[in-house]
C-alpha atoms as a PDB file:
ATOM      1  CA  MET A   1     -47.788  96.371 -24.886  1.00  0.00           C
ATOM      2  CA  THR A   2     -50.501  95.071 -26.435  1.00  0.00           C
ATOM      3  CA  SER A   3     -50.685  91.344 -27.408  1.00  0.00           C
ATOM      4  CA  ALA A   4     -50.962  89.673 -31.107  1.00  0.00           C
ATOM      5  CA  PHE A   5     -54.350  88.596 -30.263  1.00  0.00           C
ATOM      6  CA  ASP A   6     -55.964  90.779 -27.252  1.00  0.00           C
ATOM      7  CA  ALA A   7     -59.825  89.286 -28.255  1.00  0.00           C
ATOM      8  CA  VAL A   8     -59.200  85.308 -27.461  1.00  0.00           C
ATOM      9  CA  ASN A   9     -62.252  83.526 -27.251  1.00  0.00           C
ATOM     10  CA  LYS A  10     -61.703  81.363 -23.804  1.00  0.00           C
ATOM     11  CA  GLN A  11     -64.879  79.329 -24.134  1.00  0.00           C
ATOM     12  CA  ALA A  12     -63.900  78.321 -27.499  1.00  0.00           C
ATOM     13  CA  VAL A  13     -59.829  77.059 -26.422  1.00  0.00           C
ATOM     14  CA  ALA A  14     -61.794  75.642 -23.562  1.00  0.00           C
ATOM     15  CA  SER A  15     -64.117  73.409 -25.884  1.00  0.00           C
ATOM     16  CA  ALA A  16     -61.556  72.788 -28.637  1.00  0.00           C
ATOM     17  CA  PHE A  17     -59.152  71.354 -25.608  1.00  0.00           C
ATOM     18  CA  SER A  18     -62.044  69.324 -24.077  1.00  0.00           C
ATOM     19  CA  ARG A  19     -62.908  67.800 -27.168  1.00  0.00           C
ATOM     20  CA  ALA A  20     -59.119  66.542 -27.990  1.00  0.00           C
ATOM     21  CA  ALA A  21     -58.676  65.193 -24.602  1.00  0.00           C
ATOM     22  CA  ASN A  22     -58.982  61.579 -25.263  1.00  0.00           C
ATOM     23  CA  SER A  23     -57.110  61.987 -28.382  1.00  0.00           C
ATOM     24  CA  TYR A  24     -54.344  64.543 -27.191  1.00  0.00           C
ATOM     25  CA  ASP A  25     -51.611  62.305 -25.861  1.00  0.00           C
ATOM     26  CA  ALA A  26     -51.406  59.868 -29.003  1.00  0.00           C
ATOM     27  CA  ALA A  27     -50.890  63.050 -31.182  1.00  0.00           C
ATOM     28  CA  ALA A  28     -48.585  65.445 -29.036  1.00  0.00           C
ATOM     29  CA  VAL A  29     -45.394  64.251 -29.565  1.00  0.00           C
ATOM     30  CA  LEU A  30     -43.743  67.706 -29.605  1.00  0.00           C
ATOM     31  CA  GLN A  31     -45.709  68.605 -26.462  1.00  0.00           C
ATOM     32  CA  ARG A  32     -44.109  65.925 -24.862  1.00  0.00           C
ATOM     33  CA  GLU A  33     -40.467  66.755 -26.066  1.00  0.00           C
ATOM     34  CA  VAL A  34     -40.807  70.473 -25.415  1.00  0.00           C
ATOM     35  CA  GLY A  35     -42.276  69.462 -21.597  1.00  0.00           C
ATOM     36  CA  GLU A  36     -39.335  67.205 -20.812  1.00  0.00           C
ATOM     37  CA  ARG A  37     -36.903  69.922 -22.123  1.00  0.00           C
ATOM     38  CA  LEU A  38     -38.791  72.392 -19.590  1.00  0.00           C
ATOM     39  CA  LEU A  39     -39.283  70.124 -16.559  1.00  0.00           C
ATOM     40  CA  GLY A  40     -35.504  69.324 -16.900  1.00  0.00           C
ATOM     41  CA  MET A  41     -35.054  72.974 -16.653  1.00  0.00           C
ATOM     42  CA  GLY A  42     -36.672  73.082 -12.855  1.00  0.00           C
ATOM     43  CA  TRP A  43     -36.727  69.177 -11.584  1.00  0.00           C
ATOM     44  CA  GLN A  44     -33.800  69.636  -8.792  1.00  0.00           C
ATOM     45  CA  HIS A  45     -35.299  72.615  -7.048  1.00  0.00           C
ATOM     46  CA  PRO A  46     -35.870  71.797  -3.424  1.00  0.00           C
ATOM     47  CA  GLY A  47     -39.405  72.768  -3.684  1.00  0.00           C
ATOM     48  CA  GLN A  48     -42.062  70.468  -2.869  1.00  0.00           C
ATOM     49  CA  SER A  49     -45.180  72.056  -4.422  1.00  0.00           C
ATOM     50  CA  VAL A  50     -46.091  72.204  -7.832  1.00  0.00           C
ATOM     51  CA  LEU A  51     -48.862  74.186  -9.956  1.00  0.00           C
ATOM     52  CA  ASP A  52     -49.054  72.541 -13.452  1.00  0.00           C
ATOM     53  CA  ALA A  53     -50.640  75.481 -15.003  1.00  0.00           C
ATOM     54  CA  GLY A  54     -52.466  74.169 -18.419  1.00  0.00           C
ATOM     55  CA  CYS A  55     -52.179  70.615 -16.977  1.00  0.00           C
ATOM     56  CA  GLY A  56     -54.034  69.194 -20.200  1.00  0.00           C
ATOM     57  CA  THR A  57     -54.485  65.764 -19.563  1.00  0.00           C
ATOM     58  CA  GLY A  58     -52.367  65.911 -16.716  1.00  0.00           C
ATOM     59  CA  TYR A  59     -48.873  63.711 -18.506  1.00  0.00           C
ATOM     60  CA  PHE A  60     -46.784  66.843 -16.627  1.00  0.00           C
ATOM     61  CA  SER A  61     -48.648  66.849 -13.485  1.00  0.00           C
ATOM     62  CA  ARG A  62     -47.829  62.733 -13.485  1.00  0.00           C
ATOM     63  CA  ARG A  63     -44.049  63.470 -14.747  1.00  0.00           C
ATOM     64  CA  TRP A  64     -43.843  66.213 -11.854  1.00  0.00           C
ATOM     65  CA  ARG A  65     -45.472  63.347  -9.248  1.00  0.00           C
ATOM     66  CA  GLU A  66     -42.353  60.755 -10.523  1.00  0.00           C
ATOM     67  CA  GLN A  67     -40.501  63.211  -8.916  1.00  0.00           C
ATOM     68  CA  GLY A  68     -41.614  62.991  -5.684  1.00  0.00           C
ATOM     69  CA  LYS A  69     -43.905  66.768  -5.992  1.00  0.00           C
ATOM     70  CA  GLN A  70     -47.157  67.806  -4.567  1.00  0.00           C
ATOM     71  CA  VAL A  71     -49.033  68.588  -7.756  1.00  0.00           C
ATOM     72  CA  THR A  72     -52.057  71.014  -8.405  1.00  0.00           C
ATOM     73  CA  ALA A  73     -53.464  70.508 -11.694  1.00  0.00           C
ATOM     74  CA  LEU A  74     -54.896  73.204 -13.375  1.00  0.00           C
ATOM     75  CA  ASP A  75     -56.683  73.989 -16.256  1.00  0.00           C
ATOM     76  CA  LEU A  76     -59.413  76.205 -18.481  1.00  0.00           C
ATOM     77  CA  ALA A  77     -61.316  72.763 -19.861  1.00  0.00           C
ATOM     78  CA  PRO A  78     -62.986  70.835 -18.127  1.00  0.00           C
ATOM     79  CA  GLY A  79     -62.818  67.975 -20.370  1.00  0.00           C
ATOM     80  CA  MET A  80     -58.881  68.226 -20.123  1.00  0.00           C
ATOM     81  CA  LEU A  81     -59.378  68.211 -15.969  1.00  0.00           C
ATOM     82  CA  ALA A  82     -61.737  65.331 -15.801  1.00  0.00           C
ATOM     83  CA  PHE A  83     -59.391  63.490 -17.950  1.00  0.00           C
ATOM     84  CA  ALA A  84     -56.525  64.309 -15.830  1.00  0.00           C
ATOM     85  CA  ARG A  85     -58.713  63.467 -12.723  1.00  0.00           C
ATOM     86  CA  GLN A  86     -59.427  59.983 -14.199  1.00  0.00           C
ATOM     87  CA  GLN A  87     -55.433  59.620 -14.519  1.00  0.00           C
ATOM     88  CA  GLN A  88     -55.031  60.391 -10.931  1.00  0.00           C
ATOM     89  CA  ALA A  89     -52.508  62.846 -12.423  1.00  0.00           C
ATOM     90  CA  ALA A  90     -52.058  64.944  -9.458  1.00  0.00           C
ATOM     91  CA  GLU A  91     -52.835  65.736  -5.679  1.00  0.00           C
ATOM     92  CA  HIS A  92     -55.694  68.908  -6.231  1.00  0.00           C
ATOM     93  CA  TYR A  93     -57.480  69.888  -9.321  1.00  0.00           C
ATOM     94  CA  LEU A  94     -58.300  73.253 -10.052  1.00  0.00           C
ATOM     95  CA  LEU A  95     -60.735  74.683 -13.365  1.00  0.00           C
ATOM     96  CA  GLY A  96     -59.294  78.066 -13.773  1.00  0.00           C
ATOM     97  CA  ASP A  97     -57.700  80.300 -15.857  1.00  0.00           C
ATOM     98  CA  ILE A  98     -54.072  81.191 -16.123  1.00  0.00           C
ATOM     99  CA  GLU A  99     -54.627  84.859 -16.335  1.00  0.00           C
ATOM    100  CA  HIS A 100     -56.568  84.552 -12.820  1.00  0.00           C
ATOM    101  CA  ILE A 101     -55.515  81.680 -10.722  1.00  0.00           C
ATOM    102  CA  PRO A 102     -57.811  80.456  -8.068  1.00  0.00           C
ATOM    103  CA  LEU A 103     -54.976  80.578  -5.496  1.00  0.00           C
ATOM    104  CA  PRO A 104     -53.427  82.685  -2.979  1.00  0.00           C
ATOM    105  CA  THR A 105     -50.248  84.824  -3.432  1.00  0.00           C
ATOM    106  CA  ALA A 106     -47.097  82.861  -2.497  1.00  0.00           C
ATOM    107  CA  SER A 107     -48.581  79.732  -2.434  1.00  0.00           C
ATOM    108  CA  VAL A 108     -46.605  77.117  -5.056  1.00  0.00           C
ATOM    109  CA  ASP A 109     -43.230  76.359  -5.018  1.00  0.00           C
ATOM    110  CA  ILE A 110     -42.368  75.898  -8.789  1.00  0.00           C
ATOM    111  CA  CYS A 111     -45.067  77.056 -11.739  1.00  0.00           C
ATOM    112  CA  PHE A 112     -44.755  75.100 -14.661  1.00  0.00           C
ATOM    113  CA  SER A 113     -46.744  75.673 -17.672  1.00  0.00           C
ATOM    114  CA  SER A 114     -45.977  74.286 -20.943  1.00  0.00           C
ATOM    115  CA  LEU A 115     -46.728  75.308 -24.095  1.00  0.00           C
ATOM    116  CA  VAL A 116     -50.012  77.264 -22.570  1.00  0.00           C
ATOM    117  CA  VAL A 117     -49.218  80.952 -22.590  1.00  0.00           C
ATOM    118  CA  GLN A 118     -49.978  81.568 -26.128  1.00  0.00           C
ATOM    119  CA  TRP A 119     -53.416  80.661 -25.374  1.00  0.00           C
ATOM    120  CA  CYS A 120     -54.154  83.757 -23.121  1.00  0.00           C
ATOM    121  CA  GLY A 121     -55.034  87.221 -24.079  1.00  0.00           C
ATOM    122  CA  SER A 122     -51.589  88.883 -22.461  1.00  0.00           C
ATOM    123  CA  LEU A 123     -48.539  87.267 -21.973  1.00  0.00           C
ATOM    124  CA  PRO A 124     -47.277  89.630 -19.044  1.00  0.00           C
ATOM    125  CA  GLY A 125     -50.639  89.410 -17.422  1.00  0.00           C
ATOM    126  CA  ALA A 126     -50.392  85.378 -17.169  1.00  0.00           C
ATOM    127  CA  LEU A 127     -46.612  85.616 -16.435  1.00  0.00           C
ATOM    128  CA  ALA A 128     -47.661  88.188 -13.437  1.00  0.00           C
ATOM    129  CA  GLU A 129     -50.240  85.611 -12.152  1.00  0.00           C
ATOM    130  CA  LEU A 130     -47.559  82.815 -12.413  1.00  0.00           C
ATOM    131  CA  TYR A 131     -45.401  84.832 -10.921  1.00  0.00           C
ATOM    132  CA  ARG A 132     -47.956  85.952  -7.842  1.00  0.00           C
ATOM    133  CA  VAL A 133     -48.762  82.426  -6.751  1.00  0.00           C
ATOM    134  CA  THR A 134     -45.190  81.361  -6.671  1.00  0.00           C
ATOM    135  CA  ARG A 135     -42.935  81.761  -3.342  1.00  0.00           C
ATOM    136  CA  PRO A 136     -40.117  83.801  -3.008  1.00  0.00           C
ATOM    137  CA  GLY A 137     -37.209  81.410  -4.102  1.00  0.00           C
ATOM    138  CA  GLY A 138     -39.316  79.592  -6.286  1.00  0.00           C
ATOM    139  CA  LEU A 139     -39.335  78.962 -10.295  1.00  0.00           C
ATOM    140  CA  VAL A 140     -41.727  80.169 -13.002  1.00  0.00           C
ATOM    141  CA  LEU A 141     -41.198  77.292 -15.817  1.00  0.00           C
ATOM    142  CA  PHE A 142     -43.099  78.582 -19.064  1.00  0.00           C
ATOM    143  CA  SER A 143     -42.867  77.199 -22.545  1.00  0.00           C
ATOM    144  CA  THR A 144     -44.453  78.958 -25.264  1.00  0.00           C
ATOM    145  CA  LEU A 145     -44.841  79.297 -29.584  1.00  0.00           C
ATOM    146  CA  ALA A 146     -42.949  82.314 -30.840  1.00  0.00           C
ATOM    147  CA  GLN A 147     -43.503  84.635 -34.372  1.00  0.00           C
ATOM    148  CA  ASP A 148     -43.078  82.154 -37.629  1.00  0.00           C
ATOM    149  CA  SER A 149     -44.252  78.871 -35.693  1.00  0.00           C
ATOM    150  CA  LEU A 150     -46.187  76.622 -38.575  1.00  0.00           C
ATOM    151  CA  HIS A 151     -45.054  78.864 -40.801  1.00  0.00           C
ATOM    152  CA  GLU A 152     -45.026  76.222 -43.823  1.00  0.00           C
ATOM    153  CA  LEU A 153     -49.053  75.480 -43.451  1.00  0.00           C
ATOM    154  CA  GLY A 154     -49.770  79.358 -43.079  1.00  0.00           C
ATOM    155  CA  ASN A 155     -47.720  79.954 -46.539  1.00  0.00           C
ATOM    156  CA  ALA A 156     -49.633  76.787 -47.764  1.00  0.00           C
ATOM    157  CA  TRP A 157     -53.017  78.029 -47.183  1.00  0.00           C
ATOM    158  CA  GLN A 158     -52.392  81.699 -48.663  1.00  0.00           C
ATOM    159  CA  GLN A 159     -51.640  80.112 -51.642  1.00  0.00           C
ATOM    160  CA  VAL A 160     -54.937  78.342 -51.746  1.00  0.00           C
ATOM    161  CA  ASP A 161     -57.441  80.912 -50.691  1.00  0.00           C
ATOM    162  CA  GLY A 162     -55.289  83.929 -49.650  1.00  0.00           C
ATOM    163  CA  GLU A 163     -55.948  83.423 -45.745  1.00  0.00           C
ATOM    164  CA  ARG A 164     -53.412  82.083 -43.325  1.00  0.00           C
ATOM    165  CA  HIS A 165     -55.702  80.018 -41.067  1.00  0.00           C
ATOM    166  CA  VAL A 166     -52.337  80.053 -38.623  1.00  0.00           C
ATOM    167  CA  ASN A 167     -52.640  82.285 -34.970  1.00  0.00           C
ATOM    168  CA  ALA A 168     -50.196  84.922 -35.068  1.00  0.00           C
ATOM    169  CA  PHE A 169     -47.832  84.088 -32.387  1.00  0.00           C
ATOM    170  CA  LEU A 170     -45.396  86.890 -30.579  1.00  0.00           C
ATOM    171  CA  PRO A 171     -42.366  88.060 -31.453  1.00  0.00           C
ATOM    172  CA  PRO A 172     -39.144  86.849 -29.654  1.00  0.00           C
ATOM    173  CA  GLU A 173     -38.827  90.617 -28.569  1.00  0.00           C
ATOM    174  CA  GLN A 174     -42.143  90.323 -27.245  1.00  0.00           C
ATOM    175  CA  ILE A 175     -41.846  87.571 -24.924  1.00  0.00           C
ATOM    176  CA  ALA A 176     -38.409  88.775 -23.638  1.00  0.00           C
ATOM    177  CA  GLN A 177     -40.123  92.233 -23.108  1.00  0.00           C
ATOM    178  CA  ALA A 178     -42.730  90.194 -20.673  1.00  0.00           C
ATOM    179  CA  CYS A 179     -40.115  88.544 -18.985  1.00  0.00           C
ATOM    180  CA  GLN A 180     -38.234  92.027 -18.366  1.00  0.00           C
ATOM    181  CA  PRO A 181     -39.686  92.407 -14.990  1.00  0.00           C
ATOM    182  CA  TYR A 182     -38.048  89.411 -13.398  1.00  0.00           C
ATOM    183  CA  ARG A 183     -34.703  87.533 -12.782  1.00  0.00           C
ATOM    184  CA  HIS A 184     -35.196  85.490 -15.783  1.00  0.00           C
ATOM    185  CA  HIS A 185     -33.521  83.366 -18.337  1.00  0.00           C
ATOM    186  CA  LEU A 186     -34.834  83.437 -21.532  1.00  0.00           C
ATOM    187  CA  GLU A 187     -33.801  80.534 -24.791  1.00  0.00           C
ATOM    188  CA  ALA A 188     -35.582  80.070 -28.220  1.00  0.00           C
ATOM    189  CA  VAL A 189     -34.980  77.322 -30.366  1.00  0.00           C
ATOM    190  CA  TRP A 190     -36.673  76.129 -33.435  1.00  0.00           C
ATOM    191  CA  GLN A 191     -38.042  72.346 -33.977  1.00  0.00           C
ATOM    192  CA  THR A 192     -39.300  70.887 -37.326  1.00  0.00           C
ATOM    193  CA  LEU A 193     -41.366  67.801 -37.611  1.00  0.00           C
ATOM    194  CA  SER A 194     -42.225  65.741 -40.541  1.00  0.00           C
ATOM    195  CA  TYR A 195     -45.177  64.004 -41.700  1.00  0.00           C
ATOM    196  CA  PRO A 196     -45.891  61.595 -44.782  1.00  0.00           C
ATOM    197  CA  ASP A 197     -48.690  63.661 -45.831  1.00  0.00           C
ATOM    198  CA  VAL A 198     -50.647  67.064 -45.000  1.00  0.00           C
ATOM    199  CA  ILE A 199     -53.760  65.377 -43.609  1.00  0.00           C
ATOM    200  CA  ALA A 200     -51.386  63.648 -40.978  1.00  0.00           C
ATOM    201  CA  LEU A 201     -49.949  66.832 -40.341  1.00  0.00           C
ATOM    202  CA  MET A 202     -53.711  68.576 -40.009  1.00  0.00           C
ATOM    203  CA  ARG A 203     -54.397  65.542 -37.929  1.00  0.00           C
ATOM    204  CA  SER A 204     -51.875  66.073 -35.286  1.00  0.00           C
ATOM    205  CA  LEU A 205     -52.753  69.908 -35.158  1.00  0.00           C
ATOM    206  CA  LYS A 206     -56.452  68.766 -34.290  1.00  0.00           C
ATOM    207  CA  GLY A 207     -55.366  65.823 -32.191  1.00  0.00           C
ATOM    208  CA  ILE A 208     -53.954  68.509 -29.820  1.00  0.00           C
ATOM    209  CA  GLY A 209     -56.682  71.040 -30.244  1.00  0.00           C
ATOM    210  CA  ALA A 210     -54.567  73.715 -31.729  1.00  0.00           C
ATOM    211  CA  THR A 211     -56.769  74.340 -34.752  1.00  0.00           C
ATOM    212  CA  HIS A 212     -58.753  76.777 -32.509  1.00  0.00           C
ATOM    213  CA  LEU A 213     -57.746  79.908 -33.994  1.00  0.00           C
ATOM    214  CA  HIS A 214     -57.609  83.295 -31.515  1.00  0.00           C
ATOM    215  CA  GLN A 215     -59.333  85.288 -34.307  1.00  0.00           C
ATOM    216  CA  GLY A 216     -62.371  84.123 -35.904  1.00  0.00           C
ATOM    217  CA  ARG A 217     -62.870  80.741 -37.938  1.00  0.00           C
ATOM    218  CA  GLY A 218     -60.357  78.344 -39.034  1.00  0.00           C
ATOM    219  CA  ALA A 219     -59.732  76.556 -42.587  1.00  0.00           C
ATOM    220  CA  GLY A 220     -63.153  75.235 -42.057  1.00  0.00           C
ATOM    221  CA  LEU A 221     -64.331  71.313 -42.837  1.00  0.00           C
ATOM    222  CA  LEU A 222     -61.464  70.155 -45.643  1.00  0.00           C
ATOM    223  CA  SER A 223     -63.138  68.747 -48.419  1.00  0.00           C
ATOM    224  CA  ARG A 224     -61.121  66.488 -50.559  1.00  0.00           C
ATOM    225  CA  GLN A 225     -60.395  69.399 -53.136  1.00  0.00           C
ATOM    226  CA  ARG A 226     -59.290  71.623 -50.379  1.00  0.00           C
ATOM    227  CA  LEU A 227     -56.888  69.288 -48.758  1.00  0.00           C
ATOM    228  CA  ALA A 228     -55.436  68.132 -52.075  1.00  0.00           C
ATOM    229  CA  ALA A 229     -55.054  72.317 -52.930  1.00  0.00           C
ATOM    230  CA  LEU A 230     -53.313  72.455 -49.700  1.00  0.00           C
ATOM    231  CA  GLN A 231     -50.971  69.311 -50.282  1.00  0.00           C
ATOM    232  CA  ALA A 232     -49.977  70.626 -53.480  1.00  0.00           C
ATOM    233  CA  ALA A 233     -48.973  74.151 -52.140  1.00  0.00           C
ATOM    234  CA  TYR A 234     -47.299  72.511 -49.414  1.00  0.00           C
ATOM    235  CA  PRO A 235     -43.537  72.274 -49.173  1.00  0.00           C
ATOM    236  CA  CYS A 236     -42.223  68.798 -49.796  1.00  0.00           C
ATOM    237  CA  ARG A 237     -38.807  67.693 -48.677  1.00  0.00           C
ATOM    238  CA  ASN A 238     -37.576  64.081 -49.980  1.00  0.00           C
ATOM    239  CA  GLY A 239     -41.750  63.229 -49.733  1.00  0.00           C
ATOM    240  CA  GLN A 240     -41.707  64.460 -46.171  1.00  0.00           C
ATOM    241  CA  PHE A 241     -43.948  67.414 -45.212  1.00  0.00           C
ATOM    242  CA  PRO A 242     -42.450  69.601 -42.404  1.00  0.00           C
ATOM    243  CA  LEU A 243     -43.981  71.499 -39.954  1.00  0.00           C
ATOM    244  CA  SER A 244     -42.007  74.034 -37.769  1.00  0.00           C
ATOM    245  CA  TYR A 245     -41.897  75.499 -34.478  1.00  0.00           C
ATOM    246  CA  HIS A 246     -40.468  78.372 -32.974  1.00  0.00           C
ATOM    247  CA  LEU A 247     -40.100  77.460 -29.194  1.00  0.00           C
ATOM    248  CA  ALA A 248     -39.340  79.930 -26.534  1.00  0.00           C
ATOM    249  CA  TYR A 249     -38.413  78.519 -22.889  1.00  0.00           C
ATOM    250  CA  GLY A 250     -38.704  80.789 -19.971  1.00  0.00           C
ATOM    251  CA  VAL A 251     -37.184  80.666 -16.210  1.00  0.00           C
ATOM    252  CA  ILE A 252     -38.374  83.408 -14.203  1.00  0.00           C
ATOM    253  CA  TYR A 253     -36.634  83.511 -10.691  1.00  0.00           C
ATOM    254  CA  ARG A 254     -39.231  84.566  -7.767  1.00  0.00           C
ATOM    255  CA  ASP A 255     -37.353  87.019  -5.672  1.00  0.00           C
END
């Protein structure tokens, strides 16, 4: 199966998220809500050891520790991992890539990865690695963005300069296909956030490091004219500017 983004520049992704480390938690409203929902799908599992794969600032590493779990925090971005360590978010810290996890096979009870695997080159490869490091009887919990996420922003940019400036996320069918080899449960939901203006909306994306594009450059520096053009092209409802996320939540049972 080919991914929608086979040539992900991992170094650029790591740099974008490292730069966002200090602003991330303040901007990450959606990440918080999605992570809490995902955590709720697995927190009653009796297993003790958790891998927070793509831990970011360590917010959910801390949440798992509050549930009495032993947590290893893994991230590709050195800046994020350093921030998580400063917060004493986990017992162990690993600099590494979800597609090549530096852990032995069957070494943790629960793998938790919230809104991270969309940055991987291959979703099947990422899920295979998460499955590999999970012990039999354990769980892999993941959430990701699906096709048409951020469509309002993509459509508005298209009107401004003919380019979408938004990442292409996998269609739900491909996400389901990646889960097919395993016993699993998958659900998809839409969630829309609203902002008072387009600059606040763009700041929220920049604050979570999500302005990095898989292919080539982003929208570039936003001049006042470009921002005004984007705002004029953007759909506005009752004075609010909506941004929609198509979310997929997966639970994979390690047999």
